[in-house]
Amino acid sequence: MADFGMLNCFSFWNLAVVFVCYTLSDIGSVYGGPFLYIPYNGTRPNNTVAREVCKSYRNCELAVIDTQSEYDRMYAYFNDTLGENFTLPTAVWIGLYWIDVTGLGNYTHFWEKSGQLEELTWSYWDGGEPNDPGSEDCARIHTNMYMRSIECYRSYDILCEGTGKCLDWLID
């Protein structure tokens, strides 16, 4: 671990990440759990790999932004992490999926929370979104901070969210 003033940073060379930084206030037991932004310095992961990377951090999963207060908390996290008036360098994967629950082409959006699916009740979609069910079945937070649907094979940075003590190992 490297200490850069108020920031604590870890290098993850096996993930092609140069540094993941957070302030100690980002790590803690707050409603919804702590966020962990994983920017990539090389090849970014597809959605399947992104889910596995989050799971590798003890009880983390792709972020679930299912209320206005969760959106505001995520925005504040990026504001604190990347600086005021930030712009995301690239979109980030979140845990929202478009699933055909009937097998008849009736697609519905679901959040994946702790291995369970919860139907979408709140969203912050960009104009014209979501679109192309059956093809764009995953979701991301775009650089403009709106949700957008996208093919799951695409590659983006990751926004993980913890449940309980998912990131405790970082400050042990």
N, C-alpha and C. Protein backbone atom coordinates (compact mmCIF):
# COMPACT_ATOMS: atom_id res chain seq x y z
N MET A 1 0.85 -1.17 0.00
CA MET A 1 0.00 0.00 0.00
C MET A 1 0.89 1.23 0.00
N ALA A 2 0.55 2.22 -0.78
CA ALA A 2 1.25 3.49 -0.81
C ALA A 2 0.34 4.56 -0.21
N ASP A 3 0.91 5.49 0.51
CA ASP A 3 0.14 6.55 1.12
C ASP A 3 0.49 7.85 0.42
N PHE A 4 -0.47 8.47 -0.26
CA PHE A 4 -0.29 9.73 -0.94
C PHE A 4 -1.12 10.79 -0.23
N GLY A 5 -0.68 11.20 0.95
CA GLY A 5 -1.44 12.18 1.72
C GLY A 5 -2.72 11.55 2.23
N MET A 6 -3.84 12.05 1.79
CA MET A 6 -5.14 11.56 2.22
C MET A 6 -5.55 10.30 1.45
N LEU A 7 -4.86 9.98 0.35
CA LEU A 7 -5.24 8.83 -0.45
C LEU A 7 -4.40 7.61 -0.10
N ASN A 8 -5.02 6.46 -0.08
CA ASN A 8 -4.33 5.19 0.08
C ASN A 8 -4.47 4.46 -1.24
N CYS A 9 -3.38 3.97 -1.77
CA CYS A 9 -3.41 3.38 -3.11
C CYS A 9 -2.80 1.99 -3.10
N PHE A 10 -3.37 1.11 -3.88
CA PHE A 10 -2.87 -0.25 -4.04
C PHE A 10 -2.62 -0.49 -5.52
N SER A 11 -1.56 -1.20 -5.82
CA SER A 11 -1.33 -1.57 -7.21
C SER A 11 -1.80 -3.00 -7.42
N PHE A 12 -2.44 -3.24 -8.53
CA PHE A 12 -2.96 -4.55 -8.89
C PHE A 12 -2.40 -4.91 -10.25
N TRP A 13 -1.17 -5.33 -10.29
CA TRP A 13 -0.53 -5.59 -11.58
C TRP A 13 -1.16 -6.75 -12.31
N ASN A 14 -1.69 -7.75 -11.58
CA ASN A 14 -2.31 -8.88 -12.25
C ASN A 14 -3.57 -8.48 -12.99
N LEU A 15 -4.15 -7.34 -12.66
CA LEU A 15 -5.35 -6.86 -13.35
C LEU A 15 -5.04 -5.77 -14.35
N ALA A 16 -3.78 -5.46 -14.55
CA ALA A 16 -3.33 -4.40 -15.44
C ALA A 16 -3.79 -3.03 -14.93
N VAL A 17 -3.96 -2.91 -13.63
CA VAL A 17 -4.34 -1.65 -13.02
C VAL A 17 -3.09 -1.05 -12.41
N VAL A 18 -2.86 0.21 -12.64
CA VAL A 18 -1.69 0.82 -12.04
C VAL A 18 -1.98 1.12 -10.57
N PHE A 19 -2.98 1.92 -10.25
CA PHE A 19 -3.34 2.19 -8.87
C PHE A 19 -4.84 2.31 -8.72
N VAL A 20 -5.36 1.79 -7.63
CA VAL A 20 -6.74 2.02 -7.20
C VAL A 20 -6.62 2.83 -5.94
N CYS A 21 -7.22 4.00 -5.91
CA CYS A 21 -7.08 4.88 -4.76
C CYS A 21 -8.43 5.15 -4.13
N TYR A 22 -8.41 5.37 -2.83
CA TYR A 22 -9.63 5.68 -2.10
C TYR A 22 -9.24 6.47 -0.87
N THR A 23 -10.16 7.21 -0.34
CA THR A 23 -9.92 7.84 0.95
C THR A 23 -10.49 6.92 2.00
N LEU A 24 -9.99 6.98 3.21
CA LEU A 24 -10.48 6.09 4.25
C LEU A 24 -11.97 6.29 4.49
N SER A 25 -12.51 7.47 4.19
CA SER A 25 -13.94 7.69 4.36
C SER A 25 -14.75 6.90 3.32
N ASP A 26 -14.11 6.49 2.22
CA ASP A 26 -14.80 5.69 1.21
C ASP A 26 -14.99 4.26 1.67
N ILE A 27 -14.19 3.81 2.62
CA ILE A 27 -14.24 2.45 3.09
C ILE A 27 -14.97 2.45 4.42
N GLY A 28 -16.09 1.77 4.47
CA GLY A 28 -16.81 1.75 5.73
C GLY A 28 -18.17 1.13 5.55
N SER A 29 -18.84 0.94 6.64
CA SER A 29 -20.17 0.34 6.59
C SER A 29 -21.20 1.45 6.50
N VAL A 30 -21.52 1.83 5.29
CA VAL A 30 -22.57 2.81 5.05
C VAL A 30 -23.68 2.11 4.30
N TYR A 31 -24.85 2.67 4.28
CA TYR A 31 -25.97 2.03 3.58
C TYR A 31 -25.57 1.73 2.15
N GLY A 32 -25.79 0.50 1.74
CA GLY A 32 -25.45 0.11 0.39
C GLY A 32 -24.02 -0.35 0.24
N GLY A 33 -23.19 -0.09 1.23
CA GLY A 33 -21.81 -0.55 1.17
C GLY A 33 -20.90 0.42 0.47
N PRO A 34 -19.59 0.23 0.62
CA PRO A 34 -18.60 1.12 -0.01
C PRO A 34 -18.47 0.84 -1.50
N PHE A 35 -18.07 1.86 -2.24
CA PHE A 35 -17.78 1.71 -3.66
C PHE A 35 -16.29 1.49 -3.85
N LEU A 36 -15.93 0.79 -4.91
CA LEU A 36 -14.53 0.65 -5.31
C LEU A 36 -14.49 0.82 -6.82
N TYR A 37 -13.85 1.90 -7.27
CA TYR A 37 -13.70 2.18 -8.70
C TYR A 37 -12.40 1.54 -9.15
N ILE A 38 -12.47 0.71 -10.19
CA ILE A 38 -11.28 0.04 -10.70
C ILE A 38 -11.03 0.50 -12.13
N PRO A 39 -10.14 1.50 -12.30
CA PRO A 39 -9.78 1.94 -13.64
C PRO A 39 -8.69 1.04 -14.20
N TYR A 40 -8.72 0.79 -15.47
CA TYR A 40 -7.74 -0.09 -16.10
C TYR A 40 -6.76 0.71 -16.93
N ASN A 41 -5.52 0.28 -16.87
CA ASN A 41 -4.46 0.92 -17.62
C ASN A 41 -4.22 0.19 -18.95
N GLY A 42 -4.79 -0.96 -19.11
CA GLY A 42 -4.62 -1.75 -20.33
C GLY A 42 -5.97 -2.20 -20.84
N THR A 43 -6.07 -3.46 -21.19
CA THR A 43 -7.32 -4.02 -21.71
C THR A 43 -8.37 -4.04 -20.61
N ARG A 44 -9.51 -3.42 -20.88
CA ARG A 44 -10.61 -3.39 -19.91
C ARG A 44 -11.42 -4.67 -20.04
N PRO A 45 -12.09 -5.08 -18.95
CA PRO A 45 -12.84 -6.34 -18.97
C PRO A 45 -14.24 -6.21 -19.55
N ASN A 46 -14.76 -7.35 -20.04
CA ASN A 46 -16.17 -7.40 -20.42
C ASN A 46 -17.00 -7.57 -19.14
N ASN A 47 -18.32 -7.63 -19.27
CA ASN A 47 -19.18 -7.68 -18.10
C ASN A 47 -18.95 -8.94 -17.26
N THR A 48 -18.78 -10.08 -17.89
CA THR A 48 -18.57 -11.33 -17.15
C THR A 48 -17.32 -11.26 -16.31
N VAL A 49 -16.23 -10.79 -16.88
CA VAL A 49 -14.97 -10.66 -16.14
C VAL A 49 -15.11 -9.61 -15.05
N ALA A 50 -15.79 -8.50 -15.33
CA ALA A 50 -15.99 -7.45 -14.34
C ALA A 50 -16.73 -7.99 -13.11
N ARG A 51 -17.74 -8.82 -13.33
CA ARG A 51 -18.47 -9.42 -12.20
C ARG A 51 -17.54 -10.28 -11.35
N GLU A 52 -16.68 -11.05 -12.00
CA GLU A 52 -15.75 -11.92 -11.27
C GLU A 52 -14.70 -11.10 -10.51
N VAL A 53 -14.23 -10.01 -11.12
CA VAL A 53 -13.27 -9.14 -10.43
C VAL A 53 -13.90 -8.60 -9.15
N CYS A 54 -15.13 -8.11 -9.23
CA CYS A 54 -15.80 -7.60 -8.02
C CYS A 54 -15.95 -8.70 -6.98
N LYS A 55 -16.35 -9.89 -7.40
CA LYS A 55 -16.53 -11.00 -6.45
C LYS A 55 -15.22 -11.36 -5.75
N SER A 56 -14.10 -11.12 -6.42
CA SER A 56 -12.81 -11.46 -5.83
C SER A 56 -12.47 -10.56 -4.64
N TYR A 57 -13.21 -9.48 -4.44
CA TYR A 57 -13.00 -8.58 -3.32
C TYR A 57 -13.96 -8.88 -2.18
N ARG A 58 -14.00 -10.11 -1.68
CA ARG A 58 -14.83 -10.48 -0.52
C ARG A 58 -16.20 -9.81 -0.51
N ASN A 59 -17.19 -10.43 -1.06
CA ASN A 59 -18.58 -9.97 -1.01
C ASN A 59 -18.88 -8.70 -1.79
N CYS A 60 -18.02 -8.30 -2.70
CA CYS A 60 -18.33 -7.16 -3.57
C CYS A 60 -19.07 -7.67 -4.80
N GLU A 61 -19.78 -6.79 -5.44
CA GLU A 61 -20.46 -7.10 -6.70
C GLU A 61 -20.49 -5.82 -7.52
N LEU A 62 -20.90 -5.94 -8.78
CA LEU A 62 -21.04 -4.73 -9.58
C LEU A 62 -22.05 -3.82 -8.89
N ALA A 63 -21.79 -2.52 -8.93
CA ALA A 63 -22.60 -1.55 -8.19
C ALA A 63 -24.06 -1.59 -8.61
N VAL A 64 -24.92 -1.39 -7.62
CA VAL A 64 -26.36 -1.32 -7.81
C VAL A 64 -26.78 0.11 -7.47
N ILE A 65 -27.22 0.84 -8.49
CA ILE A 65 -27.62 2.24 -8.32
C ILE A 65 -29.14 2.28 -8.54
N ASP A 66 -29.89 1.87 -7.52
CA ASP A 66 -31.33 1.64 -7.70
C ASP A 66 -32.24 2.67 -7.04
N THR A 67 -31.66 3.75 -6.52
CA THR A 67 -32.46 4.84 -5.96
C THR A 67 -31.73 6.16 -6.23
N GLN A 68 -32.46 7.24 -6.10
CA GLN A 68 -31.83 8.55 -6.26
C GLN A 68 -30.74 8.75 -5.21
N SER A 69 -30.97 8.29 -3.98
CA SER A 69 -29.96 8.47 -2.93
C SER A 69 -28.70 7.65 -3.24
N GLU A 70 -28.85 6.45 -3.83
CA GLU A 70 -27.67 5.67 -4.24
C GLU A 70 -26.93 6.37 -5.38
N TYR A 71 -27.68 6.95 -6.32
CA TYR A 71 -27.06 7.70 -7.41
C TYR A 71 -26.27 8.88 -6.83
N ASP A 72 -26.89 9.61 -5.91
CA ASP A 72 -26.23 10.76 -5.30
C ASP A 72 -24.96 10.33 -4.55
N ARG A 73 -25.04 9.20 -3.86
CA ARG A 73 -23.88 8.67 -3.13
C ARG A 73 -22.76 8.29 -4.10
N MET A 74 -23.12 7.64 -5.23
CA MET A 74 -22.13 7.29 -6.25
C MET A 74 -21.50 8.55 -6.83
N TYR A 75 -22.32 9.54 -7.13
CA TYR A 75 -21.82 10.80 -7.69
C TYR A 75 -20.84 11.46 -6.72
N ALA A 76 -21.21 11.49 -5.44
CA ALA A 76 -20.33 12.07 -4.42
C ALA A 76 -19.01 11.28 -4.31
N TYR A 77 -19.11 9.95 -4.43
CA TYR A 77 -17.90 9.11 -4.40
C TYR A 77 -16.95 9.50 -5.54
N PHE A 78 -17.48 9.62 -6.77
CA PHE A 78 -16.62 10.00 -7.89
C PHE A 78 -16.11 11.43 -7.73
N ASN A 79 -16.94 12.31 -7.20
CA ASN A 79 -16.52 13.68 -6.96
C ASN A 79 -15.34 13.72 -5.98
N ASP A 80 -15.41 12.91 -4.93
CA ASP A 80 -14.32 12.83 -3.95
C ASP A 80 -13.10 12.13 -4.52
N THR A 81 -13.32 11.09 -5.32
CA THR A 81 -12.23 10.27 -5.84
C THR A 81 -11.52 10.92 -7.03
N LEU A 82 -12.29 11.51 -7.96
CA LEU A 82 -11.71 12.05 -9.19
C LEU A 82 -11.60 13.57 -9.19
N GLY A 83 -12.18 14.22 -8.19
CA GLY A 83 -12.11 15.67 -8.10
C GLY A 83 -13.38 16.34 -8.56
N GLU A 84 -13.58 17.55 -8.07
CA GLU A 84 -14.77 18.31 -8.42
C GLU A 84 -14.85 18.51 -9.93
N ASN A 85 -16.09 18.56 -10.46
CA ASN A 85 -16.33 18.72 -11.89
C ASN A 85 -15.65 17.62 -12.71
N PHE A 86 -15.62 16.40 -12.14
CA PHE A 86 -14.97 15.27 -12.78
C PHE A 86 -15.71 14.85 -14.06
N THR A 87 -14.99 14.14 -14.90
CA THR A 87 -15.56 13.40 -16.02
C THR A 87 -14.95 12.01 -15.94
N LEU A 88 -15.79 10.99 -15.98
CA LEU A 88 -15.24 9.63 -15.98
C LEU A 88 -14.39 9.44 -17.22
N PRO A 89 -13.20 8.86 -17.09
CA PRO A 89 -12.35 8.62 -18.26
C PRO A 89 -12.97 7.64 -19.25
N THR A 90 -13.75 6.71 -18.73
CA THR A 90 -14.47 5.75 -19.56
C THR A 90 -15.71 5.32 -18.78
N ALA A 91 -16.63 4.70 -19.45
CA ALA A 91 -17.83 4.21 -18.76
C ALA A 91 -17.43 3.12 -17.77
N VAL A 92 -18.33 2.83 -16.81
CA VAL A 92 -18.09 1.78 -15.83
C VAL A 92 -19.26 0.80 -15.82
N TRP A 93 -18.93 -0.48 -15.66
CA TRP A 93 -19.95 -1.51 -15.56
C TRP A 93 -20.72 -1.36 -14.25
N ILE A 94 -22.03 -1.61 -14.31
CA ILE A 94 -22.88 -1.70 -13.13
C ILE A 94 -23.66 -3.01 -13.23
N GLY A 95 -24.30 -3.40 -12.15
CA GLY A 95 -24.98 -4.70 -12.10
C GLY A 95 -26.42 -4.69 -12.55
N LEU A 96 -26.71 -4.09 -13.69
CA LEU A 96 -28.07 -4.02 -14.24
C LEU A 96 -28.13 -4.81 -15.54
N TYR A 97 -29.15 -5.66 -15.66
CA TYR A 97 -29.27 -6.55 -16.83
C TYR A 97 -30.68 -6.53 -17.39
N TRP A 98 -30.79 -6.74 -18.70
CA TRP A 98 -32.07 -6.86 -19.39
C TRP A 98 -32.27 -8.34 -19.65
N ILE A 99 -33.27 -8.94 -19.03
CA ILE A 99 -33.45 -10.39 -19.07
C ILE A 99 -34.82 -10.73 -19.63
N ASP A 100 -34.85 -11.71 -20.53
CA ASP A 100 -36.11 -12.24 -21.08
C ASP A 100 -36.60 -13.32 -20.13
N VAL A 101 -37.46 -12.95 -19.19
CA VAL A 101 -37.89 -13.89 -18.15
C VAL A 101 -38.89 -14.92 -18.66
N THR A 102 -39.55 -14.66 -19.78
CA THR A 102 -40.56 -15.59 -20.29
C THR A 102 -40.03 -16.47 -21.42
N GLY A 103 -38.92 -16.06 -22.02
CA GLY A 103 -38.41 -16.78 -23.18
C GLY A 103 -39.16 -16.41 -24.45
N LEU A 104 -40.02 -15.39 -24.35
CA LEU A 104 -40.85 -14.98 -25.49
C LEU A 104 -40.51 -13.57 -25.97
N GLY A 105 -39.36 -13.08 -25.58
CA GLY A 105 -38.97 -11.74 -26.01
C GLY A 105 -39.52 -10.62 -25.13
N ASN A 106 -39.99 -10.96 -23.93
CA ASN A 106 -40.49 -9.96 -22.99
C ASN A 106 -39.39 -9.59 -22.01
N TYR A 107 -38.57 -8.62 -22.39
CA TYR A 107 -37.40 -8.25 -21.60
C TYR A 107 -37.77 -7.30 -20.47
N THR A 108 -37.15 -7.54 -19.31
CA THR A 108 -37.33 -6.71 -18.13
C THR A 108 -35.95 -6.44 -17.54
N HIS A 109 -35.77 -5.25 -16.97
CA HIS A 109 -34.49 -4.91 -16.34
C HIS A 109 -34.47 -5.38 -14.90
N PHE A 110 -33.34 -5.99 -14.52
CA PHE A 110 -33.14 -6.48 -13.16
C PHE A 110 -31.77 -6.07 -12.67
N TRP A 111 -31.70 -5.72 -11.37
CA TRP A 111 -30.43 -5.54 -10.68
C TRP A 111 -30.01 -6.88 -10.12
N GLU A 112 -28.74 -7.19 -10.19
CA GLU A 112 -28.22 -8.38 -9.52
C GLU A 112 -27.67 -7.95 -8.17
N LYS A 113 -28.33 -8.43 -7.09
CA LYS A 113 -27.94 -8.09 -5.72
C LYS A 113 -27.69 -9.38 -4.96
N SER A 114 -26.48 -9.62 -4.58
CA SER A 114 -26.11 -10.81 -3.80
C SER A 114 -26.62 -12.09 -4.44
N GLY A 115 -26.50 -12.18 -5.75
CA GLY A 115 -26.92 -13.38 -6.47
C GLY A 115 -28.41 -13.47 -6.75
N GLN A 116 -29.18 -12.49 -6.30
CA GLN A 116 -30.62 -12.46 -6.52
C GLN A 116 -30.95 -11.36 -7.53
N LEU A 117 -32.05 -11.53 -8.24
CA LEU A 117 -32.49 -10.51 -9.19
C LEU A 117 -33.62 -9.69 -8.59
N GLU A 118 -33.50 -8.36 -8.69
CA GLU A 118 -34.55 -7.45 -8.24
C GLU A 118 -34.95 -6.58 -9.42
N GLU A 119 -36.24 -6.51 -9.68
CA GLU A 119 -36.73 -5.74 -10.81
C GLU A 119 -36.41 -4.25 -10.64
N LEU A 120 -36.07 -3.62 -11.75
CA LEU A 120 -35.74 -2.20 -11.78
C LEU A 120 -36.97 -1.38 -11.41
N THR A 121 -36.82 -0.48 -10.43
CA THR A 121 -37.92 0.42 -10.04
C THR A 121 -37.54 1.88 -10.18
N TRP A 122 -36.24 2.17 -10.27
CA TRP A 122 -35.73 3.53 -10.44
C TRP A 122 -34.58 3.48 -11.41
N SER A 123 -34.44 4.50 -12.25
CA SER A 123 -33.31 4.53 -13.19
C SER A 123 -32.97 5.96 -13.56
N TYR A 124 -31.83 6.12 -14.17
CA TYR A 124 -31.34 7.42 -14.63
C TYR A 124 -30.79 7.23 -16.05
N TRP A 125 -31.69 6.79 -16.95
CA TRP A 125 -31.31 6.48 -18.33
C TRP A 125 -30.99 7.74 -19.12
N ASP A 126 -30.03 7.63 -20.00
CA ASP A 126 -29.72 8.66 -20.97
C ASP A 126 -30.85 8.71 -22.00
N GLY A 127 -30.98 9.80 -22.73
CA GLY A 127 -32.01 9.92 -23.76
C GLY A 127 -31.92 8.78 -24.77
N GLY A 128 -33.07 8.20 -25.14
CA GLY A 128 -33.09 7.09 -26.10
C GLY A 128 -32.74 5.74 -25.51
N GLU A 129 -32.48 5.71 -24.22
CA GLU A 129 -32.12 4.46 -23.54
C GLU A 129 -33.26 3.99 -22.64
N PRO A 130 -33.32 2.75 -22.31
CA PRO A 130 -32.55 1.64 -22.87
C PRO A 130 -33.03 1.30 -24.27
N ASN A 131 -32.20 0.64 -25.02
CA ASN A 131 -32.59 0.25 -26.37
C ASN A 131 -32.02 -1.11 -26.73
N ASP A 132 -32.54 -1.69 -27.79
CA ASP A 132 -32.06 -2.93 -28.39
C ASP A 132 -32.07 -4.14 -27.45
N PRO A 133 -33.25 -4.47 -26.87
CA PRO A 133 -33.32 -5.67 -26.01
C PRO A 133 -32.93 -6.92 -26.78
N GLY A 134 -32.26 -7.83 -26.09
CA GLY A 134 -31.79 -9.05 -26.74
C GLY A 134 -30.40 -8.90 -27.30
N SER A 135 -29.94 -7.66 -27.42
CA SER A 135 -28.58 -7.41 -27.88
C SER A 135 -27.81 -6.61 -26.83
N GLU A 136 -28.38 -5.49 -26.39
CA GLU A 136 -27.76 -4.66 -25.37
C GLU A 136 -28.35 -5.03 -24.01
N ASP A 137 -27.90 -6.15 -23.46
CA ASP A 137 -28.50 -6.71 -22.25
C ASP A 137 -27.76 -6.38 -20.96
N CYS A 138 -26.70 -5.60 -21.04
CA CYS A 138 -25.96 -5.16 -19.86
C CYS A 138 -26.07 -3.64 -19.78
N ALA A 139 -25.58 -3.08 -18.66
CA ALA A 139 -25.67 -1.63 -18.49
C ALA A 139 -24.38 -1.08 -17.91
N ARG A 140 -24.20 0.21 -18.13
CA ARG A 140 -23.02 0.92 -17.66
C ARG A 140 -23.44 2.33 -17.25
N ILE A 141 -22.60 2.95 -16.45
CA ILE A 141 -22.71 4.39 -16.22
C ILE A 141 -21.77 5.02 -17.24
N HIS A 142 -22.33 5.81 -18.14
CA HIS A 142 -21.55 6.44 -19.20
C HIS A 142 -20.74 7.62 -18.61
N THR A 143 -19.83 8.15 -19.39
CA THR A 143 -19.00 9.26 -18.92
C THR A 143 -19.82 10.49 -18.55
N ASN A 144 -21.05 10.60 -19.08
CA ASN A 144 -21.92 11.72 -18.73
C ASN A 144 -22.76 11.43 -17.48
N MET A 145 -22.51 10.28 -16.83
CA MET A 145 -23.14 9.85 -15.58
C MET A 145 -24.58 9.38 -15.74
N TYR A 146 -25.03 9.16 -16.96
CA TYR A 146 -26.33 8.54 -17.21
C TYR A 146 -26.15 7.06 -17.46
N MET A 147 -27.20 6.27 -17.20
CA MET A 147 -27.17 4.84 -17.50
C MET A 147 -27.40 4.64 -19.00
N ARG A 148 -26.70 3.66 -19.55
CA ARG A 148 -26.90 3.28 -20.95
C ARG A 148 -26.84 1.76 -21.04
N SER A 149 -27.69 1.19 -21.91
CA SER A 149 -27.61 -0.24 -22.18
C SER A 149 -26.50 -0.48 -23.20
N ILE A 150 -25.91 -1.68 -23.14
CA ILE A 150 -24.77 -1.99 -24.02
C ILE A 150 -24.61 -3.51 -24.11
N GLU A 151 -23.97 -3.97 -25.17
CA GLU A 151 -23.67 -5.39 -25.29
C GLU A 151 -22.72 -5.81 -24.17
N CYS A 152 -22.91 -6.99 -23.65
CA CYS A 152 -22.13 -7.47 -22.50
C CYS A 152 -20.67 -7.78 -22.85
N TYR A 153 -20.37 -7.96 -24.13
CA TYR A 153 -18.99 -8.28 -24.52
C TYR A 153 -18.10 -7.03 -24.59
N ARG A 154 -18.69 -5.84 -24.51
CA ARG A 154 -17.89 -4.61 -24.57
C ARG A 154 -16.96 -4.52 -23.36
N SER A 155 -16.03 -3.59 -23.38
CA SER A 155 -15.03 -3.49 -22.32
C SER A 155 -15.04 -2.11 -21.66
N TYR A 156 -15.14 -2.11 -20.33
CA TYR A 156 -15.17 -0.85 -19.57
C TYR A 156 -14.44 -1.02 -18.25
N ASP A 157 -14.25 0.10 -17.55
CA ASP A 157 -13.76 0.05 -16.18
C ASP A 157 -14.88 -0.52 -15.31
N ILE A 158 -14.59 -0.67 -14.02
CA ILE A 158 -15.53 -1.36 -13.13
C ILE A 158 -15.88 -0.47 -11.94
N LEU A 159 -17.15 -0.51 -11.54
CA LEU A 159 -17.57 0.08 -10.28
C LEU A 159 -18.16 -1.03 -9.44
N CYS A 160 -17.40 -1.44 -8.41
CA CYS A 160 -17.86 -2.47 -7.48
C CYS A 160 -18.52 -1.79 -6.29
N GLU A 161 -19.37 -2.55 -5.63
CA GLU A 161 -20.00 -2.07 -4.40
C GLU A 161 -19.96 -3.19 -3.40
N GLY A 162 -19.66 -2.84 -2.17
CA GLY A 162 -19.53 -3.84 -1.14
C GLY A 162 -20.81 -4.09 -0.38
N THR A 163 -20.91 -5.28 0.14
CA THR A 163 -21.99 -5.62 1.05
C THR A 163 -21.32 -5.91 2.38
N GLY A 164 -21.61 -5.13 3.37
CA GLY A 164 -21.00 -5.33 4.67
C GLY A 164 -19.53 -4.97 4.67
N LYS A 165 -18.66 -5.97 4.84
CA LYS A 165 -17.24 -5.71 5.04
C LYS A 165 -16.39 -6.11 3.84
N CYS A 166 -16.87 -5.87 2.65
CA CYS A 166 -16.19 -6.37 1.46
C CYS A 166 -14.79 -5.82 1.29
N LEU A 167 -14.52 -4.61 1.74
CA LEU A 167 -13.21 -4.02 1.51
C LEU A 167 -12.35 -3.95 2.76
N ASP A 168 -12.76 -4.65 3.83
CA ASP A 168 -11.97 -4.60 5.07
C ASP A 168 -10.53 -5.01 4.88
N TRP A 169 -10.27 -5.95 3.97
CA TRP A 169 -8.90 -6.42 3.76
C TRP A 169 -7.98 -5.29 3.29
N LEU A 170 -8.55 -4.22 2.69
CA LEU A 170 -7.71 -3.12 2.23
C LEU A 170 -7.12 -2.31 3.38
N ILE A 171 -7.82 -2.32 4.54
CA ILE A 171 -7.33 -1.49 5.63
C ILE A 171 -6.91 -2.34 6.83
N ASP A 172 -6.83 -3.67 6.65
CA ASP A 172 -6.35 -4.55 7.72
C ASP A 172 -4.88 -4.32 7.98
